[in-house]
Each structure stands twice: as structure tokens, then as C-alpha cells.
């Protein structure tokens, strides 16, 4: 059972990596500590400092980090409400996917 679960996990990780590489959108996957756990190829190309394991604050400006932190804390406007800001998708077991649509 454990081997089958690991195989499924590997397949899902490969699928996510493939989808992130296909999108020409800046996408960052972060954990609860606001560290980057995944990113799209577009994010790596467009954001200086964006890399797996680094804090979100290393990849965006201080103003943008404050705006994203407000979204993550639930203190900001609804994600993507204006249509040109970041879109936040919370993950069921912690962390979030950030789509930076105004890039």
C-alpha cells in the first residue's frame, strides 16, 4: 500500500510540474510559512529570487508582499476582486497557490 501511495504521489507531483511549466502565468505555490514550494516557469523567469525553498518575500517587492500577506491573513480585499490583482487559492492541507495576474 505504501509503495502504491508513493507512486501516486510521484505521478501527481509530475503532473503539477508539467502543468506549471505549460502555463505562461506567474504562479507560486507556498506553504504555511510562506516559503515557495513550487513555481511556474514564468514565475522563475519573471521574478528575481523566486526559487523553491525561498521565502515569498524574496520573490516580490515589499509592497506586493504586504498585499499578498493581507490576502493570506484574510485582511485584504477578496482575492482577484479587482480583476487585476493576485488570485489566491488556499490548499486543503495548508499553504496556497498564488496567481499573480498583473504581471
N, C-alpha and C. Protein backbone atom coordinates (compact mmCIF):
# COMPACT_ATOMS: atom_id res chain seq x y z
N UNK A 1 0.80 -1.19 0.00
CA UNK A 1 0.00 0.00 0.00
C UNK A 1 0.85 1.26 0.00
N UNK A 2 1.90 1.26 0.80
CA UNK A 2 2.78 2.43 0.89
C UNK A 2 3.44 2.69 -0.46
N UNK A 3 3.89 1.64 -1.12
CA UNK A 3 4.53 1.80 -2.43
C UNK A 3 3.55 2.38 -3.44
N UNK A 4 2.29 1.93 -3.39
CA UNK A 4 1.27 2.45 -4.31
C UNK A 4 0.99 3.92 -4.03
N UNK A 5 0.89 4.28 -2.76
CA UNK A 5 0.66 5.68 -2.41
C UNK A 5 1.82 6.57 -2.85
N UNK A 6 3.04 6.10 -2.69
CA UNK A 6 4.21 6.88 -3.13
C UNK A 6 4.21 7.04 -4.65
N UNK A 7 3.81 5.99 -5.33
CA UNK A 7 3.74 6.07 -6.79
C UNK A 7 2.70 7.09 -7.22
N UNK A 8 1.55 7.09 -6.57
CA UNK A 8 0.52 8.08 -6.89
C UNK A 8 1.01 9.50 -6.60
N UNK A 9 1.69 9.66 -5.49
CA UNK A 9 2.24 10.97 -5.13
C UNK A 9 3.24 11.44 -6.18
N UNK A 10 4.11 10.55 -6.62
CA UNK A 10 5.08 10.88 -7.67
C UNK A 10 4.37 11.29 -8.96
N UNK A 11 3.32 10.57 -9.32
CA UNK A 11 2.56 10.90 -10.52
C UNK A 11 1.93 12.28 -10.40
N UNK A 12 1.35 12.58 -9.24
CA UNK A 12 0.72 13.89 -9.04
C UNK A 12 1.75 15.01 -9.05
N UNK A 13 2.91 14.80 -8.46
CA UNK A 13 3.96 15.81 -8.48
C UNK A 13 4.43 16.07 -9.91
N UNK A 14 4.55 15.02 -10.70
CA UNK A 14 4.95 15.17 -12.10
C UNK A 14 3.88 15.93 -12.87
N UNK A 15 2.62 15.63 -12.62
CA UNK A 15 1.53 16.32 -13.28
C UNK A 15 1.55 17.81 -12.93
N UNK A 16 1.70 18.14 -11.67
CA UNK A 16 1.74 19.55 -11.25
C UNK A 16 2.93 20.25 -11.89
N UNK A 17 4.10 19.64 -11.88
CA UNK A 17 5.28 20.25 -12.50
C UNK A 17 5.03 20.50 -13.99
N UNK A 18 4.42 19.56 -14.65
CA UNK A 18 4.13 19.70 -16.09
C UNK A 18 3.16 20.86 -16.33
N UNK A 19 2.10 20.92 -15.55
CA UNK A 19 1.12 21.99 -15.72
C UNK A 19 1.73 23.36 -15.42
N UNK A 20 2.56 23.44 -14.40
CA UNK A 20 3.20 24.72 -14.08
C UNK A 20 4.13 25.15 -15.19
N UNK A 21 4.80 24.21 -15.83
CA UNK A 21 5.71 24.56 -16.92
C UNK A 21 4.97 24.95 -18.19
N UNK A 22 3.74 24.50 -18.37
CA UNK A 22 2.97 24.83 -19.56
C UNK A 22 2.34 26.22 -19.48
N UNK A 23 2.03 26.65 -18.29
CA UNK A 23 1.34 27.93 -18.13
C UNK A 23 2.31 29.09 -18.32
N UNK A 24 1.86 30.10 -19.05
CA UNK A 24 2.64 31.32 -19.20
C UNK A 24 2.13 32.35 -18.20
N UNK A 25 1.84 31.88 -17.02
CA UNK A 25 1.30 32.70 -15.95
C UNK A 25 2.23 32.59 -14.75
N UNK A 26 2.35 33.69 -14.03
CA UNK A 26 3.18 33.68 -12.83
C UNK A 26 2.40 33.02 -11.70
N UNK A 27 2.82 31.81 -11.34
CA UNK A 27 2.17 31.03 -10.30
C UNK A 27 3.20 30.63 -9.26
N UNK A 28 2.87 30.90 -8.00
CA UNK A 28 3.71 30.49 -6.89
C UNK A 28 2.90 29.61 -5.96
N UNK A 29 3.47 28.50 -5.54
CA UNK A 29 2.84 27.63 -4.54
C UNK A 29 3.64 27.84 -3.27
N UNK A 30 2.94 28.17 -2.19
CA UNK A 30 3.64 28.44 -0.93
C UNK A 30 3.06 27.58 0.18
N UNK A 31 3.86 27.37 1.22
CA UNK A 31 3.39 26.62 2.38
C UNK A 31 2.90 27.59 3.44
N UNK A 32 2.54 27.08 4.60
CA UNK A 32 2.02 27.92 5.68
C UNK A 32 3.05 28.90 6.22
N UNK A 33 4.32 28.61 6.01
CA UNK A 33 5.38 29.51 6.46
C UNK A 33 5.75 30.54 5.39
N UNK A 34 4.95 30.56 4.31
CA UNK A 34 5.15 31.48 3.18
C UNK A 34 6.48 31.27 2.49
N UNK A 35 6.86 29.99 2.41
CA UNK A 35 8.03 29.60 1.64
C UNK A 35 7.54 29.00 0.33
N UNK A 36 8.27 29.25 -0.73
CA UNK A 36 7.90 28.77 -2.05
C UNK A 36 8.16 27.27 -2.13
N UNK A 37 7.12 26.51 -2.49
CA UNK A 37 7.27 25.07 -2.63
C UNK A 37 7.14 24.63 -4.09
N UNK A 38 6.71 25.54 -4.94
CA UNK A 38 6.60 25.26 -6.37
C UNK A 38 6.36 26.57 -7.11
N UNK A 39 6.72 26.59 -8.37
CA UNK A 39 6.51 27.80 -9.16
C UNK A 39 6.47 27.46 -10.63
N UNK A 40 5.78 28.30 -11.38
CA UNK A 40 5.73 28.10 -12.82
C UNK A 40 7.02 28.60 -13.46
N UNK A 41 7.26 28.14 -14.66
CA UNK A 41 8.42 28.59 -15.41
C UNK A 41 8.37 30.11 -15.59
N UNK A 42 7.17 30.65 -15.82
CA UNK A 42 7.01 32.10 -15.98
C UNK A 42 7.41 32.83 -14.70
N UNK A 43 7.08 32.28 -13.55
CA UNK A 43 7.45 32.90 -12.28
C UNK A 43 8.97 32.91 -12.12
N UNK A 44 9.60 31.80 -12.44
CA UNK A 44 11.06 31.73 -12.33
C UNK A 44 11.74 32.73 -13.25
N UNK A 45 11.16 32.92 -14.43
CA UNK A 45 11.76 33.83 -15.41
C UNK A 45 11.51 35.30 -15.07
N UNK A 46 10.38 35.60 -14.47
CA UNK A 46 9.98 37.00 -14.27
C UNK A 46 10.24 37.55 -12.88
N UNK A 47 10.42 36.68 -11.90
CA UNK A 47 10.60 37.15 -10.53
C UNK A 47 12.01 36.85 -10.05
N UNK A 48 12.78 37.89 -9.83
CA UNK A 48 14.11 37.70 -9.27
C UNK A 48 13.99 37.09 -7.88
N UNK A 49 14.75 36.06 -7.62
CA UNK A 49 14.76 35.44 -6.31
C UNK A 49 13.72 34.36 -6.10
N UNK A 50 12.85 34.13 -7.09
CA UNK A 50 11.83 33.10 -6.93
C UNK A 50 12.47 31.73 -7.11
N UNK A 51 12.46 30.94 -6.07
CA UNK A 51 13.02 29.59 -6.13
C UNK A 51 12.41 28.76 -5.02
N UNK A 52 12.31 27.48 -5.24
CA UNK A 52 11.77 26.56 -4.24
C UNK A 52 12.63 26.64 -2.98
N UNK A 53 11.96 26.76 -1.85
CA UNK A 53 12.63 26.82 -0.56
C UNK A 53 12.85 28.23 -0.05
N UNK A 54 12.78 29.20 -0.93
CA UNK A 54 13.00 30.59 -0.51
C UNK A 54 11.69 31.19 0.01
N UNK A 55 11.80 32.21 0.86
CA UNK A 55 10.58 32.86 1.33
C UNK A 55 9.91 33.67 0.22
N UNK A 56 8.60 33.79 0.30
CA UNK A 56 7.85 34.57 -0.66
C UNK A 56 8.40 35.99 -0.76
N UNK A 57 8.82 36.54 0.37
CA UNK A 57 9.32 37.91 0.40
C UNK A 57 10.56 38.11 -0.46
N UNK A 58 11.27 37.04 -0.79
CA UNK A 58 12.47 37.15 -1.63
C UNK A 58 12.12 37.27 -3.11
N UNK A 59 10.87 37.00 -3.46
CA UNK A 59 10.48 36.96 -4.87
C UNK A 59 9.63 38.15 -5.31
N UNK A 60 9.12 38.91 -4.36
CA UNK A 60 8.25 40.03 -4.71
C UNK A 60 8.70 41.28 -3.95
N UNK A 61 8.25 42.43 -4.40
CA UNK A 61 8.58 43.68 -3.73
C UNK A 61 7.95 43.72 -2.34
N UNK A 62 8.43 44.63 -1.50
CA UNK A 62 7.89 44.75 -0.15
C UNK A 62 6.40 45.12 -0.19
N UNK A 63 6.02 46.03 -1.10
CA UNK A 63 4.61 46.41 -1.22
C UNK A 63 3.75 45.23 -1.65
N UNK A 64 4.25 44.47 -2.64
CA UNK A 64 3.49 43.32 -3.11
C UNK A 64 3.41 42.25 -2.03
N UNK A 65 4.50 42.07 -1.29
CA UNK A 65 4.47 41.09 -0.20
C UNK A 65 3.42 41.48 0.84
N UNK A 66 3.35 42.77 1.18
CA UNK A 66 2.36 43.23 2.15
C UNK A 66 0.94 42.96 1.65
N UNK A 67 0.73 43.21 0.36
CA UNK A 67 -0.59 42.96 -0.24
C UNK A 67 -0.92 41.46 -0.21
N UNK A 68 0.06 40.62 -0.56
CA UNK A 68 -0.16 39.17 -0.54
C UNK A 68 -0.36 38.67 0.88
N UNK A 69 0.42 39.21 1.83
CA UNK A 69 0.28 38.80 3.23
C UNK A 69 -1.11 39.13 3.74
N UNK A 70 -1.65 40.30 3.34
CA UNK A 70 -3.00 40.67 3.75
C UNK A 70 -4.02 39.68 3.20
N UNK A 71 -3.83 39.26 1.95
CA UNK A 71 -4.72 38.24 1.37
C UNK A 71 -4.62 36.93 2.15
N UNK A 72 -3.39 36.52 2.43
CA UNK A 72 -3.18 35.25 3.13
C UNK A 72 -3.75 35.29 4.55
N UNK A 73 -3.67 36.46 5.18
CA UNK A 73 -4.20 36.62 6.53
C UNK A 73 -5.70 36.86 6.56
N UNK A 74 -6.30 37.05 5.37
CA UNK A 74 -7.72 37.32 5.30
C UNK A 74 -8.07 38.75 5.59
N UNK A 75 -7.07 39.65 5.59
CA UNK A 75 -7.30 41.06 5.92
C UNK A 75 -7.45 41.94 4.69
N UNK A 76 -7.22 41.40 3.52
CA UNK A 76 -7.27 42.20 2.31
C UNK A 76 -8.60 42.05 1.61
N UNK A 77 -8.71 42.70 0.45
CA UNK A 77 -9.93 42.55 -0.34
C UNK A 77 -10.03 41.11 -0.84
N UNK A 78 -11.20 40.70 -1.28
CA UNK A 78 -11.32 39.34 -1.80
C UNK A 78 -10.30 39.10 -2.91
N UNK A 79 -9.64 37.94 -2.93
CA UNK A 79 -8.63 37.66 -3.96
C UNK A 79 -9.17 37.87 -5.36
N UNK A 80 -8.46 38.66 -6.13
CA UNK A 80 -8.82 38.88 -7.52
C UNK A 80 -10.07 39.71 -7.71
N UNK A 81 -10.51 40.40 -6.65
CA UNK A 81 -11.76 41.15 -6.73
C UNK A 81 -11.72 42.21 -7.81
N UNK A 82 -10.60 42.88 -7.97
CA UNK A 82 -10.50 43.95 -8.95
C UNK A 82 -10.21 43.41 -10.34
N UNK A 83 -9.91 42.11 -10.44
CA UNK A 83 -9.63 41.52 -11.74
C UNK A 83 -8.21 41.71 -12.22
N UNK A 84 -7.42 42.51 -11.50
CA UNK A 84 -6.05 42.73 -11.94
C UNK A 84 -5.04 42.45 -10.83
N UNK A 85 -5.51 42.01 -9.69
CA UNK A 85 -4.61 41.70 -8.59
C UNK A 85 -4.36 40.21 -8.50
N UNK A 86 -3.66 39.80 -7.46
CA UNK A 86 -3.37 38.38 -7.30
C UNK A 86 -4.63 37.58 -7.00
N UNK A 87 -4.60 36.33 -7.42
CA UNK A 87 -5.69 35.41 -7.11
C UNK A 87 -5.12 34.37 -6.17
N UNK A 88 -5.82 34.14 -5.08
CA UNK A 88 -5.36 33.23 -4.05
C UNK A 88 -6.25 32.00 -4.02
N UNK A 89 -5.63 30.84 -4.07
CA UNK A 89 -6.35 29.57 -3.94
C UNK A 89 -5.73 28.83 -2.75
N UNK A 90 -6.49 28.72 -1.68
CA UNK A 90 -5.98 28.01 -0.50
C UNK A 90 -5.97 26.51 -0.77
N UNK A 91 -4.96 25.84 -0.27
CA UNK A 91 -4.85 24.39 -0.42
C UNK A 91 -5.48 23.72 0.80
N UNK A 92 -6.10 22.57 0.61
CA UNK A 92 -6.85 21.94 1.71
C UNK A 92 -6.01 21.61 2.95
N UNK A 93 -4.76 21.31 2.78
CA UNK A 93 -3.93 20.89 3.92
C UNK A 93 -2.89 21.94 4.27
N UNK A 94 -3.16 23.18 3.96
CA UNK A 94 -2.25 24.28 4.28
C UNK A 94 -1.53 24.80 3.05
N UNK A 95 -1.12 26.03 3.13
CA UNK A 95 -0.45 26.66 2.01
C UNK A 95 -1.46 27.22 1.03
N UNK A 96 -0.93 27.72 -0.07
CA UNK A 96 -1.80 28.35 -1.05
C UNK A 96 -1.11 28.40 -2.40
N UNK A 97 -1.92 28.60 -3.43
CA UNK A 97 -1.43 28.86 -4.79
C UNK A 97 -1.75 30.32 -5.08
N UNK A 98 -0.73 31.08 -5.44
CA UNK A 98 -0.89 32.49 -5.79
C UNK A 98 -0.70 32.65 -7.28
N UNK A 99 -1.68 33.24 -7.91
CA UNK A 99 -1.59 33.55 -9.34
C UNK A 99 -1.47 35.06 -9.44
N UNK A 100 -0.29 35.51 -9.89
CA UNK A 100 -0.03 36.94 -9.98
C UNK A 100 -0.41 37.40 -11.37
N UNK A 101 -1.66 37.79 -11.54
CA UNK A 101 -2.21 38.06 -12.86
C UNK A 101 -1.85 39.44 -13.41
N UNK A 102 -1.29 40.30 -12.58
CA UNK A 102 -0.99 41.64 -13.05
C UNK A 102 0.47 41.77 -13.48
N UNK A 103 1.04 40.72 -13.94
CA UNK A 103 2.46 40.71 -14.35
C UNK A 103 2.59 41.03 -15.81
